[in-house]
Amino acid sequence: MQPQGPYVILNTESGTRQLSLVGLNCWTVGRSDDNNLVLPDRWISRNHAMIQMMETGEFYLIDLGSRNGSFVNGRRVSVPVTLADGDQLTFGKTELQFFCSTASRSGSGETFADTDITATATLHLRRLISVMVVDIRDFTVLTRQLDETVLSESIGTWFRCAGEIISRYGSGVDKYIGDAVMAVWVHGADGVQPEDLLPILHAMDELAKMTAQLHKRFPLPFPLRVGAGLNTGYAMVGNTGTGSHPDYTAIGDTVNAAFRFESSTKQLGLDVAVGETTYEYLTKMPGIASIFHRYKVNLKGYEMPTVTHATTFSNLDQFIHRQT
């Protein structure tokens, strides 16, 4: 009997193995026993790839910097790619097939219609959150100058390291979108305290440092950089995890604005931009106001100019060192 909802099939010498993709929003693939899908293939890395379900119901395949790569229908994955019903997935010498009756065969990312599936992604509670978006700069230039194998391994490593950093600093969720990563911190009923935002600043700082060192591990044409946006506000939040492993997802203007603030750093020529509400909470920490400057920026999708406060990673790093 086929699993209810989306699943993958692995054909082995001993028969067909199925993995249901329901009940979580993230499934890891690799040789190590701590993965959701353990594949005993010596050509597969210990932590090879990740299949992630977004709040829209789309499924993404994300390579985690594996040496031999992850492939969808014979094409190597360098950035997260949307999966479609019937897609062939290849990890090392192992082949699987992804099935989801409500996923478009063209890969256009249609959302689920099945109520059993969408129930795991229901957004049901208005919560105060902080949303961080970190984007790789000059990614298009990089893709034109790099061999596909080096690009896939280096960017996959970036995504894996980014996820580890975000998890270490307590994010309720991390998502991978194109050449960017988004993380959400859900705040308590008492509101936002300085100690709630400091881990987010630490995560930003470490993400920037990790990115800047990546060219020492891979033959990149130039050192990579990132830009970051941070916004705090209310959003509809739902738990797409189960049991003792909650995975929160959020939608709304607070999330959209975080992406826009990150984009604004390019026009400002700076590294980090935060929303007005975030800045007000941040200024409860002595000395942080001096590293930010106030700007008005035109954000895509917003009619009126929006106030943001921006700074450099260098200033942020100096502030963090003063806290330790």
C-alpha atoms as a PDB file:
ATOM      1  CA  MET A   1       0.000   0.000   0.000  1.00  0.00           C
ATOM      2  CA  GLN A   2       1.327   3.424  -0.938  1.00  0.00           C
ATOM      3  CA  PRO A   3       1.798   5.992   1.853  1.00  0.00           C
ATOM      4  CA  GLN A   4      -0.822   8.710   2.209  1.00  0.00           C
ATOM      5  CA  GLY A   5       0.543  11.992   0.868  1.00  0.00           C
ATOM      6  CA  PRO A   6       3.972  12.613  -0.676  1.00  0.00           C
ATOM      7  CA  TYR A   7       6.710   9.955  -0.474  1.00  0.00           C
ATOM      8  CA  VAL A   8       9.913   8.712  -2.081  1.00  0.00           C
ATOM      9  CA  ILE A   9      10.638   5.216  -3.381  1.00  0.00           C
ATOM     10  CA  LEU A  10      14.005   3.480  -3.183  1.00  0.00           C
ATOM     11  CA  ASN A  11      14.455   0.284  -5.199  1.00  0.00           C
ATOM     12  CA  THR A  12      16.967  -2.108  -3.636  1.00  0.00           C
ATOM     13  CA  GLU A  13      18.039  -5.691  -4.277  1.00  0.00           C
ATOM     14  CA  SER A  14      15.875  -6.798  -1.363  1.00  0.00           C
ATOM     15  CA  GLY A  15      12.805  -4.955  -2.603  1.00  0.00           C
ATOM     16  CA  THR A  16      11.147  -1.561  -2.664  1.00  0.00           C
ATOM     17  CA  ARG A  17      11.560   0.816   0.263  1.00  0.00           C
ATOM     18  CA  GLN A  18       9.202   3.746   0.799  1.00  0.00           C
ATOM     19  CA  LEU A  19       9.591   6.864   2.932  1.00  0.00           C
ATOM     20  CA  SER A  20       6.513   8.918   3.681  1.00  0.00           C
ATOM     21  CA  LEU A  21       7.056  12.678   3.606  1.00  0.00           C
ATOM     22  CA  VAL A  22       4.289  13.543   6.055  1.00  0.00           C
ATOM     23  CA  GLY A  23       4.491  14.611   9.692  1.00  0.00           C
ATOM     24  CA  LEU A  24       7.685  16.686   9.449  1.00  0.00           C
ATOM     25  CA  ASN A  25       8.775  19.551   7.239  1.00  0.00           C
ATOM     26  CA  CYS A  26      12.378  18.444   6.785  1.00  0.00           C
ATOM     27  CA  TRP A  27      13.942  15.072   5.950  1.00  0.00           C
ATOM     28  CA  THR A  28      17.720  14.591   5.794  1.00  0.00           C
ATOM     29  CA  VAL A  29      19.446  12.125   3.475  1.00  0.00           C
ATOM     30  CA  GLY A  30      22.892  10.603   4.030  1.00  0.00           C
ATOM     31  CA  ARG A  31      25.082   7.722   5.104  1.00  0.00           C
ATOM     32  CA  SER A  32      25.051   8.601   8.808  1.00  0.00           C
ATOM     33  CA  ASP A  33      22.530   6.940  11.113  1.00  0.00           C
ATOM     34  CA  ASP A  34      21.225  10.298  12.332  1.00  0.00           C
ATOM     35  CA  ASN A  35      19.487  10.970   8.986  1.00  0.00           C
ATOM     36  CA  ASN A  36      15.792  10.462   8.322  1.00  0.00           C
ATOM     37  CA  LEU A  37      16.695   8.471   5.217  1.00  0.00           C
ATOM     38  CA  VAL A  38      19.872   6.437   5.712  1.00  0.00           C
ATOM     39  CA  LEU A  39      21.436   5.219   2.455  1.00  0.00           C
ATOM     40  CA  PRO A  40      24.307   2.694   2.778  1.00  0.00           C
ATOM     41  CA  ASP A  41      26.160   3.939  -0.289  1.00  0.00           C
ATOM     42  CA  ARG A  42      29.887   4.717   0.034  1.00  0.00           C
ATOM     43  CA  TRP A  43      29.514   7.402  -2.635  1.00  0.00           C
ATOM     44  CA  ILE A  44      27.089   9.299  -0.411  1.00  0.00           C
ATOM     45  CA  SER A  45      28.267  11.805   2.218  1.00  0.00           C
ATOM     46  CA  ARG A  46      27.417  11.324   5.879  1.00  0.00           C
ATOM     47  CA  ASN A  47      25.036  14.280   5.634  1.00  0.00           C
ATOM     48  CA  HIS A  48      24.354  14.523   1.934  1.00  0.00           C
ATOM     49  CA  ALA A  49      21.104  16.377   1.211  1.00  0.00           C
ATOM     50  CA  MET A  50      17.803  17.573   2.606  1.00  0.00           C
ATOM     51  CA  ILE A  51      14.215  17.439   1.381  1.00  0.00           C
ATOM     52  CA  GLN A  52      12.197  20.309   2.827  1.00  0.00           C
ATOM     53  CA  MET A  53       8.524  21.164   2.672  1.00  0.00           C
ATOM     54  CA  MET A  54       7.688  24.852   2.594  1.00  0.00           C
ATOM     55  CA  GLU A  55       4.561  26.419   4.076  1.00  0.00           C
ATOM     56  CA  THR A  56       3.117  26.654   0.540  1.00  0.00           C
ATOM     57  CA  GLY A  57       3.276  22.875   0.229  1.00  0.00           C
ATOM     58  CA  GLU A  58       6.210  22.937  -2.203  1.00  0.00           C
ATOM     59  CA  PHE A  59       9.024  20.443  -1.686  1.00  0.00           C
ATOM     60  CA  TYR A  60      12.645  21.486  -2.165  1.00  0.00           C
ATOM     61  CA  LEU A  61      15.783  19.404  -2.550  1.00  0.00           C
ATOM     62  CA  ILE A  62      18.848  21.008  -0.976  1.00  0.00           C
ATOM     63  CA  ASP A  63      22.348  19.613  -1.388  1.00  0.00           C
ATOM     64  CA  LEU A  64      24.430  19.985   1.782  1.00  0.00           C
ATOM     65  CA  GLY A  65      27.839  20.323   0.182  1.00  0.00           C
ATOM     66  CA  SER A  66      28.200  16.656  -0.733  1.00  0.00           C
ATOM     67  CA  ARG A  67      31.353  15.731  -2.628  1.00  0.00           C
ATOM     68  CA  ASN A  68      29.557  13.687  -5.298  1.00  0.00           C
ATOM     69  CA  GLY A  69      26.530  15.920  -5.581  1.00  0.00           C
ATOM     70  CA  SER A  70      22.756  15.579  -5.620  1.00  0.00           C
ATOM     71  CA  PHE A  71      20.894  15.314  -8.912  1.00  0.00           C
ATOM     72  CA  VAL A  72      17.286  15.886  -9.990  1.00  0.00           C
ATOM     73  CA  ASN A  73      16.431  14.237 -13.320  1.00  0.00           C
ATOM     74  CA  GLY A  74      20.136  14.026 -14.118  1.00  0.00           C
ATOM     75  CA  ARG A  75      20.933  17.697 -13.367  1.00  0.00           C
ATOM     76  CA  ARG A  76      23.216  18.559 -10.482  1.00  0.00           C
ATOM     77  CA  VAL A  77      21.696  20.717  -7.741  1.00  0.00           C
ATOM     78  CA  SER A  78      23.643  23.823  -6.739  1.00  0.00           C
ATOM     79  CA  VAL A  79      20.823  25.819  -5.110  1.00  0.00           C
ATOM     80  CA  PRO A  80      17.533  24.571  -3.621  1.00  0.00           C
ATOM     81  CA  VAL A  81      15.314  23.227  -6.408  1.00  0.00           C
ATOM     82  CA  THR A  82      11.569  22.604  -6.400  1.00  0.00           C
ATOM     83  CA  LEU A  83      10.552  18.962  -6.736  1.00  0.00           C
ATOM     84  CA  ALA A  84       7.774  17.785  -9.034  1.00  0.00           C
ATOM     85  CA  ASP A  85       5.756  14.575  -9.054  1.00  0.00           C
ATOM     86  CA  GLY A  86       7.795  11.733 -10.532  1.00  0.00           C
ATOM     87  CA  ASP A  87      11.200  13.435 -10.274  1.00  0.00           C
ATOM     88  CA  GLN A  88      14.217  11.125 -10.220  1.00  0.00           C
ATOM     89  CA  LEU A  89      16.625  11.890  -7.356  1.00  0.00           C
ATOM     90  CA  THR A  90      20.213  10.637  -7.427  1.00  0.00           C
ATOM     91  CA  PHE A  91      22.577  10.604  -4.460  1.00  0.00           C
ATOM     92  CA  GLY A  92      25.913   8.912  -5.135  1.00  0.00           C
ATOM     93  CA  LYS A  93      25.040   5.641  -6.875  1.00  0.00           C
ATOM     94  CA  THR A  94      21.577   5.514  -5.306  1.00  0.00           C
ATOM     95  CA  GLU A  95      18.429   6.504  -7.176  1.00  0.00           C
ATOM     96  CA  LEU A  96      15.066   7.402  -5.683  1.00  0.00           C
ATOM     97  CA  GLN A  97      11.818   8.701  -7.108  1.00  0.00           C
ATOM     98  CA  PHE A  98       9.734  11.489  -5.574  1.00  0.00           C
ATOM     99  CA  PHE A  99       5.949  11.227  -5.690  1.00  0.00           C
ATOM    100  CA  CYS A 100       3.421  13.894  -4.780  1.00  0.00           C
ATOM    101  CA  SER A 101       0.123  13.830  -6.638  1.00  0.00           C
ATOM    102  CA  THR A 102      -0.496  17.531  -6.058  1.00  0.00           C
ATOM    103  CA  ALA A 103       2.958  18.709  -7.192  1.00  0.00           C
ATOM    104  CA  SER A 104       3.093  19.998 -10.756  1.00  0.00           C
ATOM    105  CA  ARG A 105       4.938  17.835 -13.255  1.00  0.00           C
ATOM    106  CA  SER A 106       6.429  21.034 -14.701  1.00  0.00           C
ATOM    107  CA  GLY A 107       7.862  21.952 -11.312  1.00  0.00           C
ATOM    108  CA  SER A 108       5.859  25.169 -11.113  1.00  0.00           C
ATOM    109  CA  GLY A 109       5.263  24.653  -7.414  1.00  0.00           C
ATOM    110  CA  GLU A 110       1.488  24.305  -7.128  1.00  0.00           C
ATOM    111  CA  THR A 111       0.281  24.081  -3.556  1.00  0.00           C
ATOM    112  CA  PHE A 112      -1.338  21.043  -1.990  1.00  0.00           C
ATOM    113  CA  ALA A 113      -5.056  20.455  -2.323  1.00  0.00           C
ATOM    114  CA  ASP A 114      -5.168  17.393  -0.050  1.00  0.00           C
ATOM    115  CA  THR A 115      -6.545  18.398   3.359  1.00  0.00           C
ATOM    116  CA  ASP A 116      -4.516  15.741   5.198  1.00  0.00           C
ATOM    117  CA  ILE A 117      -1.312  17.305   3.883  1.00  0.00           C
ATOM    118  CA  THR A 118      -2.227  20.954   4.303  1.00  0.00           C
ATOM    119  CA  ALA A 119      -3.262  20.253   7.891  1.00  0.00           C
ATOM    120  CA  THR A 120       0.429  20.000   8.809  1.00  0.00           C
ATOM    121  CA  ALA A 121       1.019  23.492   7.423  1.00  0.00           C
ATOM    122  CA  THR A 122      -1.980  25.265   8.969  1.00  0.00           C
ATOM    123  CA  LEU A 123      -1.128  28.743  10.243  1.00  0.00           C
ATOM    124  CA  HIS A 124      -3.135  29.161  13.394  1.00  0.00           C
ATOM    125  CA  LEU A 125      -1.601  31.533  15.917  1.00  0.00           C
ATOM    126  CA  ARG A 126      -0.588  35.196  15.839  1.00  0.00           C
ATOM    127  CA  ARG A 127       2.829  35.484  17.465  1.00  0.00           C
ATOM    128  CA  LEU A 128       5.556  38.067  17.889  1.00  0.00           C
ATOM    129  CA  ILE A 129       8.576  36.928  15.863  1.00  0.00           C
ATOM    130  CA  SER A 130      11.913  38.102  14.512  1.00  0.00           C
ATOM    131  CA  VAL A 131      12.767  37.111  10.952  1.00  0.00           C
ATOM    132  CA  MET A 132      16.321  37.061   9.639  1.00  0.00           C
ATOM    133  CA  VAL A 133      17.115  36.791   5.931  1.00  0.00           C
ATOM    134  CA  VAL A 134      20.695  36.263   4.724  1.00  0.00           C
ATOM    135  CA  ASP A 135      21.479  36.368   1.008  1.00  0.00           C
ATOM    136  CA  ILE A 136      24.656  35.492  -0.912  1.00  0.00           C
ATOM    137  CA  ARG A 137      25.959  38.521  -2.833  1.00  0.00           C
ATOM    138  CA  ASP A 138      26.998  38.371  -6.511  1.00  0.00           C
ATOM    139  CA  PHE A 139      25.663  34.842  -6.824  1.00  0.00           C
ATOM    140  CA  THR A 140      24.834  35.225 -10.523  1.00  0.00           C
ATOM    141  CA  VAL A 141      28.404  36.346 -11.225  1.00  0.00           C
ATOM    142  CA  LEU A 142      29.666  33.340  -9.285  1.00  0.00           C
ATOM    143  CA  THR A 143      27.599  30.873 -11.317  1.00  0.00           C
ATOM    144  CA  ARG A 144      29.090  32.219 -14.559  1.00  0.00           C
ATOM    145  CA  GLN A 145      32.659  31.790 -13.385  1.00  0.00           C
ATOM    146  CA  LEU A 146      32.543  28.465 -11.537  1.00  0.00           C
ATOM    147  CA  ASP A 147      32.591  24.875 -12.683  1.00  0.00           C
ATOM    148  CA  GLU A 148      29.262  23.203 -11.851  1.00  0.00           C
ATOM    149  CA  THR A 149      30.875  20.696  -9.492  1.00  0.00           C
ATOM    150  CA  VAL A 150      32.715  23.355  -7.474  1.00  0.00           C
ATOM    151  CA  LEU A 151      29.609  25.562  -7.414  1.00  0.00           C
ATOM    152  CA  SER A 152      27.403  22.757  -6.116  1.00  0.00           C
ATOM    153  CA  GLU A 153      29.842  21.628  -3.432  1.00  0.00           C
ATOM    154  CA  SER A 154      30.713  25.125  -2.194  1.00  0.00           C
ATOM    155  CA  ILE A 155      27.170  26.511  -2.115  1.00  0.00           C
ATOM    156  CA  GLY A 156      25.849  23.267  -0.648  1.00  0.00           C
ATOM    157  CA  THR A 157      28.435  23.616   2.107  1.00  0.00           C
ATOM    158  CA  TRP A 158      27.275  27.182   2.686  1.00  0.00           C
ATOM    159  CA  PHE A 159      23.671  26.050   3.118  1.00  0.00           C
ATOM    160  CA  ARG A 160      24.689  23.259   5.491  1.00  0.00           C
ATOM    161  CA  CYS A 161      26.879  25.532   7.625  1.00  0.00           C
ATOM    162  CA  ALA A 162      24.201  28.230   7.622  1.00  0.00           C
ATOM    163  CA  GLY A 163      21.667  25.727   8.936  1.00  0.00           C
ATOM    164  CA  GLU A 164      24.040  24.600  11.673  1.00  0.00           C
ATOM    165  CA  ILE A 165      24.693  28.183  12.783  1.00  0.00           C
ATOM    166  CA  ILE A 166      20.999  29.076  12.808  1.00  0.00           C
ATOM    167  CA  SER A 167      20.162  25.955  14.817  1.00  0.00           C
ATOM    168  CA  ARG A 168      22.949  26.674  17.307  1.00  0.00           C
ATOM    169  CA  TYR A 169      21.427  30.070  18.050  1.00  0.00           C
ATOM    170  CA  GLY A 170      17.929  28.776  18.684  1.00  0.00           C
ATOM    171  CA  SER A 171      15.911  29.498  15.569  1.00  0.00           C
ATOM    172  CA  GLY A 172      12.519  27.854  15.444  1.00  0.00           C
ATOM    173  CA  VAL A 173      12.879  27.263  11.701  1.00  0.00           C
ATOM    174  CA  ASP A 174      15.286  27.656   8.847  1.00  0.00           C
ATOM    175  CA  LYS A 175      14.289  27.780   5.184  1.00  0.00           C
ATOM    176  CA  TYR A 176      16.358  27.839   2.034  1.00  0.00           C
ATOM    177  CA  ILE A 177      15.145  30.041  -0.789  1.00  0.00           C
ATOM    178  CA  GLY A 178      17.252  30.333  -3.938  1.00  0.00           C
ATOM    179  CA  ASP A 179      20.596  31.713  -2.778  1.00  0.00           C
ATOM    180  CA  ALA A 180      19.271  32.885   0.588  1.00  0.00           C
ATOM    181  CA  VAL A 181      18.348  31.452   3.965  1.00  0.00           C
ATOM    182  CA  MET A 182      15.535  32.617   6.245  1.00  0.00           C
ATOM    183  CA  ALA A 183      15.281  31.965   9.969  1.00  0.00           C
ATOM    184  CA  VAL A 184      12.510  32.727  12.461  1.00  0.00           C
ATOM    185  CA  TRP A 185      12.722  33.243  16.204  1.00  0.00           C
ATOM    186  CA  VAL A 186       9.376  33.031  18.021  1.00  0.00           C
ATOM    187  CA  HIS A 187       9.226  35.313  21.069  1.00  0.00           C
ATOM    188  CA  GLY A 188       7.372  34.658  24.289  1.00  0.00           C
ATOM    189  CA  ALA A 189       4.323  36.345  25.764  1.00  0.00           C
ATOM    190  CA  ASP A 190       6.523  38.791  27.679  1.00  0.00           C
ATOM    191  CA  GLY A 191       7.660  40.436  24.446  1.00  0.00           C
ATOM    192  CA  VAL A 192      11.213  40.921  23.215  1.00  0.00           C
ATOM    193  CA  GLN A 193      14.098  41.348  25.626  1.00  0.00           C
ATOM    194  CA  PRO A 194      17.710  42.218  24.696  1.00  0.00           C
ATOM    195  CA  GLU A 195      18.798  38.677  25.508  1.00  0.00           C
ATOM    196  CA  ASP A 196      16.307  37.450  22.897  1.00  0.00           C
ATOM    197  CA  LEU A 197      17.939  39.426  20.078  1.00  0.00           C
ATOM    198  CA  LEU A 198      21.583  38.905  20.985  1.00  0.00           C
ATOM    199  CA  PRO A 199      21.629  35.288  19.680  1.00  0.00           C
ATOM    200  CA  ILE A 200      20.274  36.559  16.356  1.00  0.00           C
ATOM    201  CA  LEU A 201      23.098  39.078  16.104  1.00  0.00           C
ATOM    202  CA  HIS A 202      25.563  36.307  16.921  1.00  0.00           C
ATOM    203  CA  ALA A 203      24.050  34.163  14.151  1.00  0.00           C
ATOM    204  CA  MET A 204      24.394  37.020  11.649  1.00  0.00           C
ATOM    205  CA  ASP A 205      27.990  37.595  12.675  1.00  0.00           C
ATOM    206  CA  GLU A 206      28.931  33.919  12.347  1.00  0.00           C
ATOM    207  CA  LEU A 207      27.137  33.592   9.002  1.00  0.00           C
ATOM    208  CA  ALA A 208      29.146  36.516   7.640  1.00  0.00           C
ATOM    209  CA  LYS A 209      32.437  35.073   8.930  1.00  0.00           C
ATOM    210  CA  MET A 210      31.683  31.588   7.630  1.00  0.00           C
ATOM    211  CA  THR A 211      30.860  32.993   4.208  1.00  0.00           C
ATOM    212  CA  ALA A 212      34.025  35.079   4.072  1.00  0.00           C
ATOM    213  CA  GLN A 213      36.163  31.985   4.756  1.00  0.00           C
ATOM    214  CA  LEU A 214      34.547  29.743   2.150  1.00  0.00           C
ATOM    215  CA  HIS A 215      37.031  30.668  -0.592  1.00  0.00           C
ATOM    216  CA  LYS A 216      39.796  29.088   1.530  1.00  0.00           C
ATOM    217  CA  ARG A 217      38.061  25.703   1.242  1.00  0.00           C
ATOM    218  CA  PHE A 218      37.041  25.919  -2.416  1.00  0.00           C
ATOM    219  CA  PRO A 219      38.662  27.479  -5.520  1.00  0.00           C
ATOM    220  CA  LEU A 220      36.255  30.410  -5.735  1.00  0.00           C
ATOM    221  CA  PRO A 221      37.062  33.376  -7.997  1.00  0.00           C
ATOM    222  CA  PHE A 222      36.523  35.840  -5.146  1.00  0.00           C
ATOM    223  CA  PRO A 223      35.615  35.796  -1.424  1.00  0.00           C
ATOM    224  CA  LEU A 224      31.870  35.494  -0.911  1.00  0.00           C
ATOM    225  CA  ARG A 225      29.838  38.051   0.990  1.00  0.00           C
ATOM    226  CA  VAL A 226      26.305  38.128   2.357  1.00  0.00           C
ATOM    227  CA  GLY A 227      23.727  40.763   3.180  1.00  0.00           C
ATOM    228  CA  ALA A 228      21.241  40.444   6.040  1.00  0.00           C
ATOM    229  CA  GLY A 229      17.807  41.777   6.910  1.00  0.00           C
ATOM    230  CA  LEU A 230      16.108  41.519  10.297  1.00  0.00           C
ATOM    231  CA  ASN A 231      12.535  42.417  11.117  1.00  0.00           C
ATOM    232  CA  THR A 232      10.383  42.016  14.225  1.00  0.00           C
ATOM    233  CA  GLY A 233       6.596  41.996  14.316  1.00  0.00           C
ATOM    234  CA  TYR A 234       3.482  39.893  14.502  1.00  0.00           C
ATOM    235  CA  ALA A 235       2.748  37.111  12.035  1.00  0.00           C
ATOM    236  CA  MET A 236       0.562  34.052  11.724  1.00  0.00           C
ATOM    237  CA  VAL A 237       2.657  31.153  12.972  1.00  0.00           C
ATOM    238  CA  GLY A 238       1.974  27.425  12.754  1.00  0.00           C
ATOM    239  CA  ASN A 239       3.795  24.325  13.945  1.00  0.00           C
ATOM    240  CA  THR A 240       4.584  21.942  11.095  1.00  0.00           C
ATOM    241  CA  GLY A 241       6.580  19.592  13.314  1.00  0.00           C
ATOM    242  CA  THR A 242       5.466  16.848  15.637  1.00  0.00           C
ATOM    243  CA  GLY A 243       5.942  15.808  19.240  1.00  0.00           C
ATOM    244  CA  SER A 244       9.071  17.194  20.867  1.00  0.00           C
ATOM    245  CA  HIS A 245      10.451  18.544  17.571  1.00  0.00           C
ATOM    246  CA  PRO A 246       8.347  21.599  16.681  1.00  0.00           C
ATOM    247  CA  ASP A 247       9.112  23.343  13.403  1.00  0.00           C
ATOM    248  CA  TYR A 248       7.526  26.756  13.140  1.00  0.00           C
ATOM    249  CA  THR A 249       6.621  28.480   9.905  1.00  0.00           C
ATOM    250  CA  ALA A 250       5.364  32.033   9.467  1.00  0.00           C
ATOM    251  CA  ILE A 251       3.829  34.221   6.791  1.00  0.00           C
ATOM    252  CA  GLY A 252       2.784  37.853   6.583  1.00  0.00           C
ATOM    253  CA  ASP A 253       4.119  41.354   6.134  1.00  0.00           C
ATOM    254  CA  THR A 254       6.723  40.901   8.879  1.00  0.00           C
ATOM    255  CA  VAL A 255       8.331  38.131   6.825  1.00  0.00           C
ATOM    256  CA  ASN A 256       8.051  39.976   3.509  1.00  0.00           C
ATOM    257  CA  ALA A 257       9.612  43.125   4.975  1.00  0.00           C
ATOM    258  CA  ALA A 258      12.625  41.142   6.258  1.00  0.00           C
ATOM    259  CA  PHE A 259      13.406  40.155   2.654  1.00  0.00           C
ATOM    260  CA  ARG A 260      12.970  43.760   1.519  1.00  0.00           C
ATOM    261  CA  PHE A 261      15.266  45.066   4.265  1.00  0.00           C
ATOM    262  CA  GLU A 262      17.952  42.621   3.143  1.00  0.00           C
ATOM    263  CA  SER A 263      17.593  43.883  -0.442  1.00  0.00           C
ATOM    264  CA  SER A 264      17.859  47.489   0.751  1.00  0.00           C
ATOM    265  CA  THR A 265      21.405  46.875   2.018  1.00  0.00           C
ATOM    266  CA  LYS A 266      22.536  46.747  -1.619  1.00  0.00           C
ATOM    267  CA  GLN A 267      21.291  50.243  -2.386  1.00  0.00           C
ATOM    268  CA  LEU A 268      22.670  51.504   0.930  1.00  0.00           C
ATOM    269  CA  GLY A 269      26.081  49.914   0.384  1.00  0.00           C
ATOM    270  CA  LEU A 270      25.911  48.315   3.829  1.00  0.00           C
ATOM    271  CA  ASP A 271      25.592  44.766   5.204  1.00  0.00           C
ATOM    272  CA  VAL A 272      22.733  44.648   7.699  1.00  0.00           C
ATOM    273  CA  ALA A 273      19.368  46.444   7.720  1.00  0.00           C
ATOM    274  CA  VAL A 274      16.727  46.113  10.438  1.00  0.00           C
ATOM    275  CA  GLY A 275      13.151  47.297  10.785  1.00  0.00           C
ATOM    276  CA  GLU A 276      12.077  50.153  13.019  1.00  0.00           C
ATOM    277  CA  THR A 277      10.519  47.853  15.627  1.00  0.00           C
ATOM    278  CA  THR A 278      13.611  45.648  15.720  1.00  0.00           C
ATOM    279  CA  TYR A 279      15.790  48.726  16.198  1.00  0.00           C
ATOM    280  CA  GLU A 280      13.679  49.900  19.140  1.00  0.00           C
ATOM    281  CA  TYR A 281      14.192  46.556  20.857  1.00  0.00           C
ATOM    282  CA  LEU A 282      17.899  46.506  19.986  1.00  0.00           C
ATOM    283  CA  THR A 283      18.512  49.903  21.565  1.00  0.00           C
ATOM    284  CA  LYS A 284      17.733  48.391  24.965  1.00  0.00           C
ATOM    285  CA  MET A 285      21.278  47.044  24.698  1.00  0.00           C
ATOM    286  CA  PRO A 286      23.768  49.771  25.678  1.00  0.00           C
ATOM    287  CA  GLY A 287      26.028  50.923  22.879  1.00  0.00           C
ATOM    288  CA  ILE A 288      24.225  49.362  19.951  1.00  0.00           C
ATOM    289  CA  ALA A 289      22.528  52.555  18.769  1.00  0.00           C
ATOM    290  CA  SER A 290      25.921  54.018  17.836  1.00  0.00           C
ATOM    291  CA  ILE A 291      26.630  51.324  15.235  1.00  0.00           C
ATOM    292  CA  PHE A 292      23.382  51.854  13.291  1.00  0.00           C
ATOM    293  CA  HIS A 293      22.366  54.783  11.095  1.00  0.00           C
ATOM    294  CA  ARG A 294      18.816  55.715  10.116  1.00  0.00           C
ATOM    295  CA  TYR A 295      17.733  55.703   6.472  1.00  0.00           C
ATOM    296  CA  LYS A 296      14.563  55.930   4.419  1.00  0.00           C
ATOM    297  CA  VAL A 297      14.396  53.352   1.654  1.00  0.00           C
ATOM    298  CA  ASN A 298      11.931  52.489  -1.073  1.00  0.00           C
ATOM    299  CA  LEU A 299      10.988  48.868  -0.545  1.00  0.00           C
ATOM    300  CA  LYS A 300       9.470  46.874  -3.378  1.00  0.00           C
ATOM    301  CA  GLY A 301       5.727  46.494  -2.865  1.00  0.00           C
ATOM    302  CA  TYR A 302       5.481  49.403  -0.394  1.00  0.00           C
ATOM    303  CA  GLU A 303       3.965  52.711  -1.523  1.00  0.00           C
ATOM    304  CA  MET A 304       5.695  54.965   0.992  1.00  0.00           C
ATOM    305  CA  PRO A 305       9.404  55.147   1.909  1.00  0.00           C
ATOM    306  CA  THR A 306      10.210  52.908   4.874  1.00  0.00           C
ATOM    307  CA  VAL A 307      12.538  53.662   7.773  1.00  0.00           C
ATOM    308  CA  THR A 308      15.389  51.225   8.301  1.00  0.00           C
ATOM    309  CA  HIS A 309      18.520  51.226  10.435  1.00  0.00           C
ATOM    310  CA  ALA A 310      21.635  49.779   8.850  1.00  0.00           C
ATOM    311  CA  THR A 311      25.225  48.935   9.667  1.00  0.00           C
ATOM    312  CA  THR A 312      28.224  46.860   8.572  1.00  0.00           C
ATOM    313  CA  PHE A 313      29.258  43.393   9.705  1.00  0.00           C
ATOM    314  CA  SER A 314      32.484  44.932  10.970  1.00  0.00           C
ATOM    315  CA  ASN A 315      30.573  47.242  13.339  1.00  0.00           C
ATOM    316  CA  LEU A 316      28.312  44.377  14.382  1.00  0.00           C
ATOM    317  CA  ASP A 317      31.288  42.142  15.142  1.00  0.00           C
ATOM    318  CA  GLN A 318      32.916  44.821  17.278  1.00  0.00           C
ATOM    319  CA  PHE A 319      29.684  45.283  19.244  1.00  0.00           C
ATOM    320  CA  ILE A 320      29.373  41.526  19.847  1.00  0.00           C
ATOM    321  CA  HIS A 321      32.977  41.323  21.092  1.00  0.00           C
ATOM    322  CA  ARG A 322      32.231  44.043  23.623  1.00  0.00           C
ATOM    323  CA  GLN A 323      29.395  41.887  25.012  1.00  0.00           C
ATOM    324  CA  THR A 324      31.687  38.945  25.758  1.00  0.00           C
END
